[in-house]
């Protein structure tokens, strides 16, 4: 066996137990020289392991008892660093890609019953994903404003924000695939509907001949999601399309009249605007399965009278509320 590599962060010369694990990324074994007391403090599984009577012959590394671990060394190394250094864990929690970085450690936290790691990660997930329609619409409005600023900057050639300044940093959701997997590890089912919806928004428009040609552009993360979940996405798109096509058009108004019943001088404009709006929502539904945005596009409602616009906004709001409530059904999460 080739000489193993000492982990640069978790090899303590005064340690009294050595763990060895194989790293697939480095194609070699990694050894960690640790303190039993730290492992026992954080993990009842390690506590039970170390209280068992030792076998007649104990493997050693550099004169210290050696335990071969079945876990991937990359995840194990991060897990151990978290056990030893709470500040390092805090840095991982605020990283933009915290869902990817904490997926492996949280899997081991479940295995070795280091519940505090899972609990803190679960709270971070809850804070990072909107759990209400209002929260989601606020996020999409920020996304639209950011896109408008980017377009204006490209047009004028003078938009070069200081991205280190939090005031210029666009608000973004965590990466959805790893969020879904992490939510399952940490038992946070509440974020699954918006996470699947966000993943559906990230997918390109499906190929008309073979819809499976629509591939998620984050290659590493896409390999992590089970095939059943990819099928779940495409079934959801079909369910959403059928639900929208079954929705009554013209939409009913609160006055029990159809939205096209405007009697004012702009009635034709109003009827056309209502049709454009519904058509645009149908196109978005077919493209990405999402009809949730905070405001109706101005180009769709051009020329509509104030009364009809107010009614239309109200009816679209009702439609969006129903859509949000049905996410669990769309993605088969019930």
C-alpha atoms as a PDB file:
ATOM      1  CA  UNK A   1       0.000   0.000   0.000  1.00  0.00           C
ATOM      2  CA  UNK A   2       1.316   3.438  -0.894  1.00  0.00           C
ATOM      3  CA  UNK A   3       2.333   5.711   1.944  1.00  0.00           C
ATOM      4  CA  UNK A   4      -0.763   7.576   3.180  1.00  0.00           C
ATOM      5  CA  UNK A   5      -0.913  11.358   3.326  1.00  0.00           C
ATOM      6  CA  UNK A   6      -1.215  13.252   6.584  1.00  0.00           C
ATOM      7  CA  UNK A   7      -4.253  15.499   6.566  1.00  0.00           C
ATOM      8  CA  UNK A   8      -2.893  19.083   6.677  1.00  0.00           C
ATOM      9  CA  UNK A   9      -5.588  20.294   9.087  1.00  0.00           C
ATOM     10  CA  UNK A  10      -6.245  17.321  11.344  1.00  0.00           C
ATOM     11  CA  UNK A  11      -2.983  15.582  12.157  1.00  0.00           C
ATOM     12  CA  UNK A  12      -2.046  16.377  15.748  1.00  0.00           C
ATOM     13  CA  UNK A  13       1.289  15.116  16.995  1.00  0.00           C
ATOM     14  CA  UNK A  14      -0.137  14.621  20.490  1.00  0.00           C
ATOM     15  CA  UNK A  15      -3.133  12.652  19.220  1.00  0.00           C
ATOM     16  CA  UNK A  16      -3.935   9.227  20.638  1.00  0.00           C
ATOM     17  CA  UNK A  17      -6.018   7.710  17.828  1.00  0.00           C
ATOM     18  CA  UNK A  18      -5.424   7.575  14.075  1.00  0.00           C
ATOM     19  CA  UNK A  19      -8.236   7.347  11.542  1.00  0.00           C
ATOM     20  CA  UNK A  20      -7.479   6.335   7.966  1.00  0.00           C
ATOM     21  CA  UNK A  21      -9.799   6.785   4.990  1.00  0.00           C
ATOM     22  CA  UNK A  22      -9.527   6.636   1.221  1.00  0.00           C
ATOM     23  CA  UNK A  23      -9.882   9.802  -0.842  1.00  0.00           C
ATOM     24  CA  UNK A  24     -11.420   9.212  -4.254  1.00  0.00           C
ATOM     25  CA  UNK A  25     -10.445  12.685  -5.409  1.00  0.00           C
ATOM     26  CA  UNK A  26      -6.775  12.145  -4.513  1.00  0.00           C
ATOM     27  CA  UNK A  27      -6.754   8.383  -5.149  1.00  0.00           C
ATOM     28  CA  UNK A  28      -4.837   7.786  -1.931  1.00  0.00           C
ATOM     29  CA  UNK A  29      -5.339   7.152   1.763  1.00  0.00           C
ATOM     30  CA  UNK A  30      -5.468  10.062   4.200  1.00  0.00           C
ATOM     31  CA  UNK A  31      -4.639   9.689   7.889  1.00  0.00           C
ATOM     32  CA  UNK A  32      -5.888  11.853  10.760  1.00  0.00           C
ATOM     33  CA  UNK A  33      -4.148  11.797  14.121  1.00  0.00           C
ATOM     34  CA  UNK A  34      -6.797  12.891  16.604  1.00  0.00           C
ATOM     35  CA  UNK A  35      -7.790  13.029  20.254  1.00  0.00           C
ATOM     36  CA  UNK A  36     -10.277  10.457  21.464  1.00  0.00           C
ATOM     37  CA  UNK A  37     -11.730  12.947  23.930  1.00  0.00           C
ATOM     38  CA  UNK A  38     -12.802  15.305  21.104  1.00  0.00           C
ATOM     39  CA  UNK A  39     -14.452  12.527  19.122  1.00  0.00           C
ATOM     40  CA  UNK A  40     -16.202  11.120  22.206  1.00  0.00           C
ATOM     41  CA  UNK A  41     -17.437  14.585  23.219  1.00  0.00           C
ATOM     42  CA  UNK A  42     -19.238  15.155  19.924  1.00  0.00           C
ATOM     43  CA  UNK A  43     -20.300  11.659  18.893  1.00  0.00           C
ATOM     44  CA  UNK A  44     -21.984   8.899  20.927  1.00  0.00           C
ATOM     45  CA  UNK A  45     -21.091   6.513  18.114  1.00  0.00           C
ATOM     46  CA  UNK A  46     -17.384   7.195  18.615  1.00  0.00           C
ATOM     47  CA  UNK A  47     -17.922   6.973  22.373  1.00  0.00           C
ATOM     48  CA  UNK A  48     -19.357   3.465  22.005  1.00  0.00           C
ATOM     49  CA  UNK A  49     -16.624   2.510  19.557  1.00  0.00           C
ATOM     50  CA  UNK A  50     -13.834   3.458  21.933  1.00  0.00           C
ATOM     51  CA  UNK A  51     -15.406   1.809  24.998  1.00  0.00           C
ATOM     52  CA  UNK A  52     -15.570  -1.593  23.304  1.00  0.00           C
ATOM     53  CA  UNK A  53     -12.842  -4.051  24.349  1.00  0.00           C
ATOM     54  CA  UNK A  54      -9.931  -3.853  21.895  1.00  0.00           C
ATOM     55  CA  UNK A  55      -9.141  -6.903  19.757  1.00  0.00           C
ATOM     56  CA  UNK A  56      -6.112  -9.049  20.666  1.00  0.00           C
ATOM     57  CA  UNK A  57      -4.053  -7.394  17.962  1.00  0.00           C
ATOM     58  CA  UNK A  58      -4.548  -3.699  17.253  1.00  0.00           C
ATOM     59  CA  UNK A  59      -3.356  -2.118  14.016  1.00  0.00           C
ATOM     60  CA  UNK A  60      -1.106   0.854  14.595  1.00  0.00           C
ATOM     61  CA  UNK A  61       0.217   3.838  12.722  1.00  0.00           C
ATOM     62  CA  UNK A  62       3.408   5.445  14.056  1.00  0.00           C
ATOM     63  CA  UNK A  63       2.828   3.568  17.317  1.00  0.00           C
ATOM     64  CA  UNK A  64      -0.738   4.879  17.721  1.00  0.00           C
ATOM     65  CA  UNK A  65      -3.905   2.725  17.456  1.00  0.00           C
ATOM     66  CA  UNK A  66      -5.281   2.856  13.909  1.00  0.00           C
ATOM     67  CA  UNK A  67      -8.908   2.619  12.788  1.00  0.00           C
ATOM     68  CA  UNK A  68      -9.757   2.199   9.109  1.00  0.00           C
ATOM     69  CA  UNK A  69     -12.856   4.217   8.245  1.00  0.00           C
ATOM     70  CA  UNK A  70     -15.309   3.289   5.467  1.00  0.00           C
ATOM     71  CA  UNK A  71     -16.099   6.953   4.763  1.00  0.00           C
ATOM     72  CA  UNK A  72     -14.772   9.097   1.943  1.00  0.00           C
ATOM     73  CA  UNK A  73     -11.726  10.964   3.208  1.00  0.00           C
ATOM     74  CA  UNK A  74     -12.787  14.329   1.768  1.00  0.00           C
ATOM     75  CA  UNK A  75     -16.069  14.331   3.695  1.00  0.00           C
ATOM     76  CA  UNK A  76     -14.414  12.872   6.787  1.00  0.00           C
ATOM     77  CA  UNK A  77     -11.736  15.565   6.780  1.00  0.00           C
ATOM     78  CA  UNK A  78     -14.343  18.329   6.669  1.00  0.00           C
ATOM     79  CA  UNK A  79     -16.386  16.608   9.377  1.00  0.00           C
ATOM     80  CA  UNK A  80     -13.359  16.401  11.667  1.00  0.00           C
ATOM     81  CA  UNK A  81     -12.436  20.053  11.060  1.00  0.00           C
ATOM     82  CA  UNK A  82     -15.946  21.058  12.098  1.00  0.00           C
ATOM     83  CA  UNK A  83     -15.674  18.985  15.293  1.00  0.00           C
ATOM     84  CA  UNK A  84     -12.417  20.703  16.189  1.00  0.00           C
ATOM     85  CA  UNK A  85     -13.089  24.239  14.977  1.00  0.00           C
ATOM     86  CA  UNK A  86     -16.500  25.896  15.394  1.00  0.00           C
ATOM     87  CA  UNK A  87     -15.240  29.037  13.629  1.00  0.00           C
ATOM     88  CA  UNK A  88     -14.489  26.972  10.547  1.00  0.00           C
ATOM     89  CA  UNK A  89     -18.050  25.652  10.656  1.00  0.00           C
ATOM     90  CA  UNK A  90     -19.329  29.234  10.861  1.00  0.00           C
ATOM     91  CA  UNK A  91     -17.364  30.111   7.716  1.00  0.00           C
ATOM     92  CA  UNK A  92     -18.873  27.169   5.863  1.00  0.00           C
ATOM     93  CA  UNK A  93     -22.380  28.232   6.865  1.00  0.00           C
ATOM     94  CA  UNK A  94     -21.987  31.677   5.278  1.00  0.00           C
ATOM     95  CA  UNK A  95     -20.297  30.446   2.087  1.00  0.00           C
ATOM     96  CA  UNK A  96     -22.268  30.894  -1.141  1.00  0.00           C
ATOM     97  CA  UNK A  97     -21.905  27.164  -1.839  1.00  0.00           C
ATOM     98  CA  UNK A  98     -22.578  26.025   1.730  1.00  0.00           C
ATOM     99  CA  UNK A  99     -25.034  23.370   0.531  1.00  0.00           C
ATOM    100  CA  UNK A 100     -22.305  21.614  -1.453  1.00  0.00           C
ATOM    101  CA  UNK A 101     -19.615  22.037   1.196  1.00  0.00           C
ATOM    102  CA  UNK A 102     -21.794  20.766   4.038  1.00  0.00           C
ATOM    103  CA  UNK A 103     -23.462  17.859   2.257  1.00  0.00           C
ATOM    104  CA  UNK A 104     -20.712  15.341   3.039  1.00  0.00           C
ATOM    105  CA  UNK A 105     -20.167  16.503   6.646  1.00  0.00           C
ATOM    106  CA  UNK A 106     -23.913  16.381   7.342  1.00  0.00           C
ATOM    107  CA  UNK A 107     -24.134  12.845   6.009  1.00  0.00           C
ATOM    108  CA  UNK A 108     -21.426  11.881   8.498  1.00  0.00           C
ATOM    109  CA  UNK A 109     -23.060  13.954  11.235  1.00  0.00           C
ATOM    110  CA  UNK A 110     -26.135  11.758  10.834  1.00  0.00           C
ATOM    111  CA  UNK A 111     -24.067   8.593  10.769  1.00  0.00           C
ATOM    112  CA  UNK A 112     -22.050   9.491  13.878  1.00  0.00           C
ATOM    113  CA  UNK A 113     -24.928  11.328  15.610  1.00  0.00           C
ATOM    114  CA  UNK A 114     -23.253  14.729  15.816  1.00  0.00           C
ATOM    115  CA  UNK A 115     -26.707  16.281  15.867  1.00  0.00           C
ATOM    116  CA  UNK A 116     -25.624  19.881  16.426  1.00  0.00           C
ATOM    117  CA  UNK A 117     -24.008  20.004  12.978  1.00  0.00           C
ATOM    118  CA  UNK A 118     -27.212  18.841  11.332  1.00  0.00           C
ATOM    119  CA  UNK A 119     -29.383  21.173  13.429  1.00  0.00           C
ATOM    120  CA  UNK A 120     -27.361  24.306  12.639  1.00  0.00           C
ATOM    121  CA  UNK A 121     -27.250  23.427   8.952  1.00  0.00           C
ATOM    122  CA  UNK A 122     -31.014  22.854   8.965  1.00  0.00           C
ATOM    123  CA  UNK A 123     -31.575  26.318  10.415  1.00  0.00           C
ATOM    124  CA  UNK A 124     -29.353  27.854   7.734  1.00  0.00           C
ATOM    125  CA  UNK A 125     -31.395  26.089   5.049  1.00  0.00           C
ATOM    126  CA  UNK A 126     -34.655  27.418   6.486  1.00  0.00           C
ATOM    127  CA  UNK A 127     -33.262  30.949   6.496  1.00  0.00           C
ATOM    128  CA  UNK A 128     -31.984  30.671   2.920  1.00  0.00           C
ATOM    129  CA  UNK A 129     -35.164  29.535   1.182  1.00  0.00           C
ATOM    130  CA  UNK A 130     -38.486  31.440   1.091  1.00  0.00           C
ATOM    131  CA  UNK A 131     -41.339  29.479   2.628  1.00  0.00           C
ATOM    132  CA  UNK A 132     -44.129  31.835   1.532  1.00  0.00           C
ATOM    133  CA  UNK A 133     -45.358  33.201  -1.772  1.00  0.00           C
ATOM    134  CA  UNK A 134     -44.577  36.740  -0.573  1.00  0.00           C
ATOM    135  CA  UNK A 135     -40.980  35.744   0.091  1.00  0.00           C
ATOM    136  CA  UNK A 136     -40.653  34.116  -3.322  1.00  0.00           C
ATOM    137  CA  UNK A 137     -42.148  37.104  -5.144  1.00  0.00           C
ATOM    138  CA  UNK A 138     -39.782  39.443  -3.305  1.00  0.00           C
ATOM    139  CA  UNK A 139     -36.876  37.337  -4.483  1.00  0.00           C
ATOM    140  CA  UNK A 140     -38.007  37.301  -8.113  1.00  0.00           C
ATOM    141  CA  UNK A 141     -38.441  41.084  -8.024  1.00  0.00           C
ATOM    142  CA  UNK A 142     -34.849  41.465  -6.819  1.00  0.00           C
ATOM    143  CA  UNK A 143     -33.709  39.141  -9.596  1.00  0.00           C
ATOM    144  CA  UNK A 144     -35.534  41.246 -12.180  1.00  0.00           C
ATOM    145  CA  UNK A 145     -34.087  44.482 -10.846  1.00  0.00           C
ATOM    146  CA  UNK A 146     -30.613  42.962 -10.924  1.00  0.00           C
ATOM    147  CA  UNK A 147     -31.110  41.828 -14.521  1.00  0.00           C
ATOM    148  CA  UNK A 148     -32.256  45.337 -15.482  1.00  0.00           C
ATOM    149  CA  UNK A 149     -29.159  46.871 -13.908  1.00  0.00           C
ATOM    150  CA  UNK A 150     -26.942  44.403 -15.748  1.00  0.00           C
ATOM    151  CA  UNK A 151     -28.604  45.220 -19.075  1.00  0.00           C
ATOM    152  CA  UNK A 152     -28.267  48.966 -18.491  1.00  0.00           C
ATOM    153  CA  UNK A 153     -24.666  48.501 -17.499  1.00  0.00           C
ATOM    154  CA  UNK A 154     -23.898  46.577 -20.671  1.00  0.00           C
ATOM    155  CA  UNK A 155     -25.664  49.242 -22.718  1.00  0.00           C
ATOM    156  CA  UNK A 156     -23.915  52.197 -21.074  1.00  0.00           C
ATOM    157  CA  UNK A 157     -20.615  50.458 -20.489  1.00  0.00           C
ATOM    158  CA  UNK A 158     -20.296  51.912 -16.999  1.00  0.00           C
ATOM    159  CA  UNK A 159     -21.787  49.285 -14.670  1.00  0.00           C
ATOM    160  CA  UNK A 160     -18.850  47.835 -12.796  1.00  0.00           C
ATOM    161  CA  UNK A 161     -20.090  47.223  -9.266  1.00  0.00           C
ATOM    162  CA  UNK A 162     -17.787  46.519  -6.372  1.00  0.00           C
ATOM    163  CA  UNK A 163     -18.927  42.964  -5.755  1.00  0.00           C
ATOM    164  CA  UNK A 164     -17.187  42.909  -2.376  1.00  0.00           C
ATOM    165  CA  UNK A 165     -19.648  45.566  -1.215  1.00  0.00           C
ATOM    166  CA  UNK A 166     -22.756  43.774   0.152  1.00  0.00           C
ATOM    167  CA  UNK A 167     -24.931  46.579  -1.218  1.00  0.00           C
ATOM    168  CA  UNK A 168     -24.044  45.472  -4.754  1.00  0.00           C
ATOM    169  CA  UNK A 169     -24.261  41.734  -4.209  1.00  0.00           C
ATOM    170  CA  UNK A 170     -27.382  40.257  -5.824  1.00  0.00           C
ATOM    171  CA  UNK A 171     -29.473  38.094  -3.575  1.00  0.00           C
ATOM    172  CA  UNK A 172     -29.327  34.520  -4.745  1.00  0.00           C
ATOM    173  CA  UNK A 173     -30.854  31.271  -3.638  1.00  0.00           C
ATOM    174  CA  UNK A 174     -28.534  28.407  -2.746  1.00  0.00           C
ATOM    175  CA  UNK A 175     -27.819  25.877  -5.470  1.00  0.00           C
ATOM    176  CA  UNK A 176     -31.010  23.780  -5.692  1.00  0.00           C
ATOM    177  CA  UNK A 177     -29.698  20.230  -6.221  1.00  0.00           C
ATOM    178  CA  UNK A 178     -27.449  20.218  -3.169  1.00  0.00           C
ATOM    179  CA  UNK A 179     -30.138  22.091  -1.223  1.00  0.00           C
ATOM    180  CA  UNK A 180     -32.566  19.256  -1.937  1.00  0.00           C
ATOM    181  CA  UNK A 181     -30.078  16.602  -0.855  1.00  0.00           C
ATOM    182  CA  UNK A 182     -29.046  18.559   2.230  1.00  0.00           C
ATOM    183  CA  UNK A 183     -32.680  19.159   3.196  1.00  0.00           C
ATOM    184  CA  UNK A 184     -33.249  15.419   3.204  1.00  0.00           C
ATOM    185  CA  UNK A 185     -30.158  14.825   5.319  1.00  0.00           C
ATOM    186  CA  UNK A 186     -31.209  17.523   7.792  1.00  0.00           C
ATOM    187  CA  UNK A 187     -34.954  16.774   7.725  1.00  0.00           C
ATOM    188  CA  UNK A 188     -36.074  20.143   6.349  1.00  0.00           C
ATOM    189  CA  UNK A 189     -38.937  19.177   4.007  1.00  0.00           C
ATOM    190  CA  UNK A 190     -40.312  22.730   3.966  1.00  0.00           C
ATOM    191  CA  UNK A 191     -37.647  23.916   1.508  1.00  0.00           C
ATOM    192  CA  UNK A 192     -38.174  21.095  -0.990  1.00  0.00           C
ATOM    193  CA  UNK A 193     -41.065  22.703  -2.967  1.00  0.00           C
ATOM    194  CA  UNK A 194     -39.250  26.023  -3.615  1.00  0.00           C
ATOM    195  CA  UNK A 195     -35.951  24.206  -4.232  1.00  0.00           C
ATOM    196  CA  UNK A 196     -37.511  21.964  -6.879  1.00  0.00           C
ATOM    197  CA  UNK A 197     -39.256  24.991  -8.393  1.00  0.00           C
ATOM    198  CA  UNK A 198     -35.940  26.840  -8.585  1.00  0.00           C
ATOM    199  CA  UNK A 199     -34.271  23.833 -10.195  1.00  0.00           C
ATOM    200  CA  UNK A 200     -37.089  23.714 -12.737  1.00  0.00           C
ATOM    201  CA  UNK A 201     -36.417  27.393 -13.508  1.00  0.00           C
ATOM    202  CA  UNK A 202     -32.729  26.589 -14.047  1.00  0.00           C
ATOM    203  CA  UNK A 203     -33.397  23.946 -16.669  1.00  0.00           C
ATOM    204  CA  UNK A 204     -33.332  25.035 -20.309  1.00  0.00           C
ATOM    205  CA  UNK A 205     -36.410  24.621 -22.465  1.00  0.00           C
ATOM    206  CA  UNK A 206     -36.806  20.906 -23.261  1.00  0.00           C
ATOM    207  CA  UNK A 207     -36.035  19.633 -26.726  1.00  0.00           C
ATOM    208  CA  UNK A 208     -39.314  19.073 -28.638  1.00  0.00           C
ATOM    209  CA  UNK A 209     -38.188  15.598 -29.725  1.00  0.00           C
ATOM    210  CA  UNK A 210     -36.327  14.402 -26.642  1.00  0.00           C
ATOM    211  CA  UNK A 211     -37.072  16.368 -23.445  1.00  0.00           C
ATOM    212  CA  UNK A 212     -34.210  14.633 -21.652  1.00  0.00           C
ATOM    213  CA  UNK A 213     -31.817  16.708 -23.751  1.00  0.00           C
ATOM    214  CA  UNK A 214     -32.569  19.581 -21.378  1.00  0.00           C
ATOM    215  CA  UNK A 215     -29.562  19.259 -19.085  1.00  0.00           C
ATOM    216  CA  UNK A 216     -28.828  21.176 -15.904  1.00  0.00           C
ATOM    217  CA  UNK A 217     -25.723  23.282 -16.536  1.00  0.00           C
ATOM    218  CA  UNK A 218     -24.098  22.625 -13.141  1.00  0.00           C
ATOM    219  CA  UNK A 219     -22.372  19.380 -14.074  1.00  0.00           C
ATOM    220  CA  UNK A 220     -21.049  18.339 -10.649  1.00  0.00           C
ATOM    221  CA  UNK A 221     -24.300  18.955  -8.813  1.00  0.00           C
ATOM    222  CA  UNK A 222     -26.427  17.345 -11.535  1.00  0.00           C
ATOM    223  CA  UNK A 223     -24.642  14.012 -11.034  1.00  0.00           C
ATOM    224  CA  UNK A 224     -25.688  14.002  -7.375  1.00  0.00           C
ATOM    225  CA  UNK A 225     -29.449  14.131  -7.906  1.00  0.00           C
ATOM    226  CA  UNK A 226     -31.111  10.699  -8.147  1.00  0.00           C
ATOM    227  CA  UNK A 227     -32.820   9.755 -11.397  1.00  0.00           C
ATOM    228  CA  UNK A 228     -36.176   9.635  -9.600  1.00  0.00           C
ATOM    229  CA  UNK A 229     -35.882  13.340  -8.860  1.00  0.00           C
ATOM    230  CA  UNK A 230     -35.152  14.204 -12.484  1.00  0.00           C
ATOM    231  CA  UNK A 231     -38.307  12.286 -13.419  1.00  0.00           C
ATOM    232  CA  UNK A 232     -40.105  14.190 -10.663  1.00  0.00           C
ATOM    233  CA  UNK A 233     -39.152  17.472 -12.358  1.00  0.00           C
ATOM    234  CA  UNK A 234     -40.507  16.513 -15.748  1.00  0.00           C
ATOM    235  CA  UNK A 235     -43.691  15.066 -14.286  1.00  0.00           C
ATOM    236  CA  UNK A 236     -44.138  18.358 -12.422  1.00  0.00           C
ATOM    237  CA  UNK A 237     -43.784  20.333 -15.631  1.00  0.00           C
ATOM    238  CA  UNK A 238     -46.534  18.232 -17.209  1.00  0.00           C
ATOM    239  CA  UNK A 239     -48.783  18.616 -14.157  1.00  0.00           C
ATOM    240  CA  UNK A 240     -48.269  22.370 -14.087  1.00  0.00           C
ATOM    241  CA  UNK A 241     -49.108  22.694 -17.761  1.00  0.00           C
ATOM    242  CA  UNK A 242     -52.310  20.690 -17.380  1.00  0.00           C
ATOM    243  CA  UNK A 243     -53.318  22.661 -14.292  1.00  0.00           C
ATOM    244  CA  UNK A 244     -52.861  25.971 -16.113  1.00  0.00           C
ATOM    245  CA  UNK A 245     -54.647  24.786 -19.245  1.00  0.00           C
ATOM    246  CA  UNK A 246     -57.621  23.738 -17.093  1.00  0.00           C
ATOM    247  CA  UNK A 247     -57.778  27.150 -15.416  1.00  0.00           C
ATOM    248  CA  UNK A 248     -60.782  29.155 -16.726  1.00  0.00           C
ATOM    249  CA  UNK A 249     -60.104  31.771 -19.390  1.00  0.00           C
ATOM    250  CA  UNK A 250     -61.095  34.552 -19.391  1.00  0.00           C
ATOM    251  CA  UNK A 251     -60.358  34.522 -15.667  1.00  0.00           C
ATOM    252  CA  UNK A 252     -63.332  35.293 -13.434  1.00  0.00           C
ATOM    253  CA  UNK A 253     -63.265  38.604 -11.588  1.00  0.00           C
ATOM    254  CA  UNK A 254     -64.439  39.296  -8.054  1.00  0.00           C
ATOM    255  CA  UNK A 255     -67.580  40.902  -9.525  1.00  0.00           C
ATOM    256  CA  UNK A 256     -68.563  37.540 -11.078  1.00  0.00           C
ATOM    257  CA  UNK A 257     -68.016  38.993 -14.536  1.00  0.00           C
ATOM    258  CA  UNK A 258     -65.351  37.814 -16.909  1.00  0.00           C
ATOM    259  CA  UNK A 259     -62.244  39.941 -17.112  1.00  0.00           C
ATOM    260  CA  UNK A 260     -63.073  40.788 -20.717  1.00  0.00           C
ATOM    261  CA  UNK A 261     -66.343  42.490 -19.756  1.00  0.00           C
ATOM    262  CA  UNK A 262     -64.871  46.013 -19.686  1.00  0.00           C
ATOM    263  CA  UNK A 263     -67.379  48.579 -21.015  1.00  0.00           C
ATOM    264  CA  UNK A 264     -65.030  51.553 -21.082  1.00  0.00           C
ATOM    265  CA  UNK A 265     -63.507  53.310 -24.114  1.00  0.00           C
ATOM    266  CA  UNK A 266     -60.401  51.119 -23.854  1.00  0.00           C
ATOM    267  CA  UNK A 267     -62.323  47.832 -23.742  1.00  0.00           C
ATOM    268  CA  UNK A 268     -60.539  46.411 -26.794  1.00  0.00           C
ATOM    269  CA  UNK A 269     -57.162  47.343 -25.332  1.00  0.00           C
ATOM    270  CA  UNK A 270     -58.175  45.744 -22.046  1.00  0.00           C
ATOM    271  CA  UNK A 271     -59.284  42.539 -23.721  1.00  0.00           C
ATOM    272  CA  UNK A 272     -56.050  42.378 -25.725  1.00  0.00           C
ATOM    273  CA  UNK A 273     -53.942  43.045 -22.625  1.00  0.00           C
ATOM    274  CA  UNK A 274     -55.690  40.311 -20.673  1.00  0.00           C
ATOM    275  CA  UNK A 275     -55.105  37.890 -23.539  1.00  0.00           C
ATOM    276  CA  UNK A 276     -51.421  38.887 -23.819  1.00  0.00           C
ATOM    277  CA  UNK A 277     -50.932  38.419 -20.091  1.00  0.00           C
ATOM    278  CA  UNK A 278     -52.526  34.978 -20.083  1.00  0.00           C
ATOM    279  CA  UNK A 279     -50.577  33.975 -23.182  1.00  0.00           C
ATOM    280  CA  UNK A 280     -47.291  35.140 -21.624  1.00  0.00           C
ATOM    281  CA  UNK A 281     -47.988  33.156 -18.457  1.00  0.00           C
ATOM    282  CA  UNK A 282     -48.803  30.102 -20.548  1.00  0.00           C
ATOM    283  CA  UNK A 283     -45.529  30.484 -22.443  1.00  0.00           C
ATOM    284  CA  UNK A 284     -43.569  30.766 -19.183  1.00  0.00           C
ATOM    285  CA  UNK A 285     -45.387  27.714 -17.886  1.00  0.00           C
ATOM    286  CA  UNK A 286     -44.439  25.723 -20.992  1.00  0.00           C
ATOM    287  CA  UNK A 287     -40.857  26.986 -20.886  1.00  0.00           C
ATOM    288  CA  UNK A 288     -39.946  26.635 -17.219  1.00  0.00           C
ATOM    289  CA  UNK A 289     -43.076  25.719 -15.289  1.00  0.00           C
ATOM    290  CA  UNK A 290     -43.078  28.998 -13.380  1.00  0.00           C
ATOM    291  CA  UNK A 291     -45.721  31.721 -13.383  1.00  0.00           C
ATOM    292  CA  UNK A 292     -44.515  33.419 -10.233  1.00  0.00           C
ATOM    293  CA  UNK A 293     -43.201  36.944 -10.535  1.00  0.00           C
ATOM    294  CA  UNK A 294     -44.080  39.972  -8.461  1.00  0.00           C
ATOM    295  CA  UNK A 295     -45.480  42.252 -11.187  1.00  0.00           C
ATOM    296  CA  UNK A 296     -47.058  41.786 -14.572  1.00  0.00           C
ATOM    297  CA  UNK A 297     -44.706  42.769 -17.417  1.00  0.00           C
ATOM    298  CA  UNK A 298     -45.456  46.324 -18.511  1.00  0.00           C
ATOM    299  CA  UNK A 299     -45.422  45.381 -22.192  1.00  0.00           C
ATOM    300  CA  UNK A 300     -48.244  42.870 -21.595  1.00  0.00           C
ATOM    301  CA  UNK A 301     -50.536  45.359 -19.852  1.00  0.00           C
ATOM    302  CA  UNK A 302     -49.945  48.360 -22.097  1.00  0.00           C
ATOM    303  CA  UNK A 303     -53.164  50.268 -22.834  1.00  0.00           C
ATOM    304  CA  UNK A 304     -55.290  48.586 -20.196  1.00  0.00           C
ATOM    305  CA  UNK A 305     -57.584  50.744 -18.064  1.00  0.00           C
ATOM    306  CA  UNK A 306     -56.854  51.131 -14.358  1.00  0.00           C
ATOM    307  CA  UNK A 307     -59.973  49.247 -13.278  1.00  0.00           C
ATOM    308  CA  UNK A 308     -59.189  46.228 -15.448  1.00  0.00           C
ATOM    309  CA  UNK A 309     -55.512  46.327 -14.468  1.00  0.00           C
ATOM    310  CA  UNK A 310     -56.488  46.259 -10.800  1.00  0.00           C
ATOM    311  CA  UNK A 311     -58.791  43.306 -11.408  1.00  0.00           C
ATOM    312  CA  UNK A 312     -56.200  41.518 -13.508  1.00  0.00           C
ATOM    313  CA  UNK A 313     -53.515  41.936 -10.852  1.00  0.00           C
ATOM    314  CA  UNK A 314     -55.923  40.570  -8.254  1.00  0.00           C
ATOM    315  CA  UNK A 315     -56.815  37.536 -10.356  1.00  0.00           C
ATOM    316  CA  UNK A 316     -53.194  36.804 -11.210  1.00  0.00           C
ATOM    317  CA  UNK A 317     -52.449  37.029  -7.491  1.00  0.00           C
ATOM    318  CA  UNK A 318     -55.135  34.425  -6.783  1.00  0.00           C
ATOM    319  CA  UNK A 319     -53.722  32.226  -9.544  1.00  0.00           C
ATOM    320  CA  UNK A 320     -50.234  32.513  -8.058  1.00  0.00           C
ATOM    321  CA  UNK A 321     -51.474  31.641  -4.571  1.00  0.00           C
ATOM    322  CA  UNK A 322     -53.144  28.510  -5.899  1.00  0.00           C
ATOM    323  CA  UNK A 323     -50.007  27.621  -7.849  1.00  0.00           C
ATOM    324  CA  UNK A 324     -47.812  28.037  -4.742  1.00  0.00           C
ATOM    325  CA  UNK A 325     -50.098  25.857  -2.638  1.00  0.00           C
ATOM    326  CA  UNK A 326     -49.991  23.123  -5.281  1.00  0.00           C
ATOM    327  CA  UNK A 327     -46.182  22.882  -5.439  1.00  0.00           C
ATOM    328  CA  UNK A 328     -46.259  19.886  -3.108  1.00  0.00           C
ATOM    329  CA  UNK A 329     -48.661  18.151  -5.502  1.00  0.00           C
ATOM    330  CA  UNK A 330     -46.797  19.205  -8.651  1.00  0.00           C
ATOM    331  CA  UNK A 331     -43.517  17.735  -7.357  1.00  0.00           C
ATOM    332  CA  UNK A 332     -45.127  14.659  -5.720  1.00  0.00           C
ATOM    333  CA  UNK A 333     -43.883  15.664  -2.275  1.00  0.00           C
ATOM    334  CA  UNK A 334     -47.079  14.810  -0.404  1.00  0.00           C
END
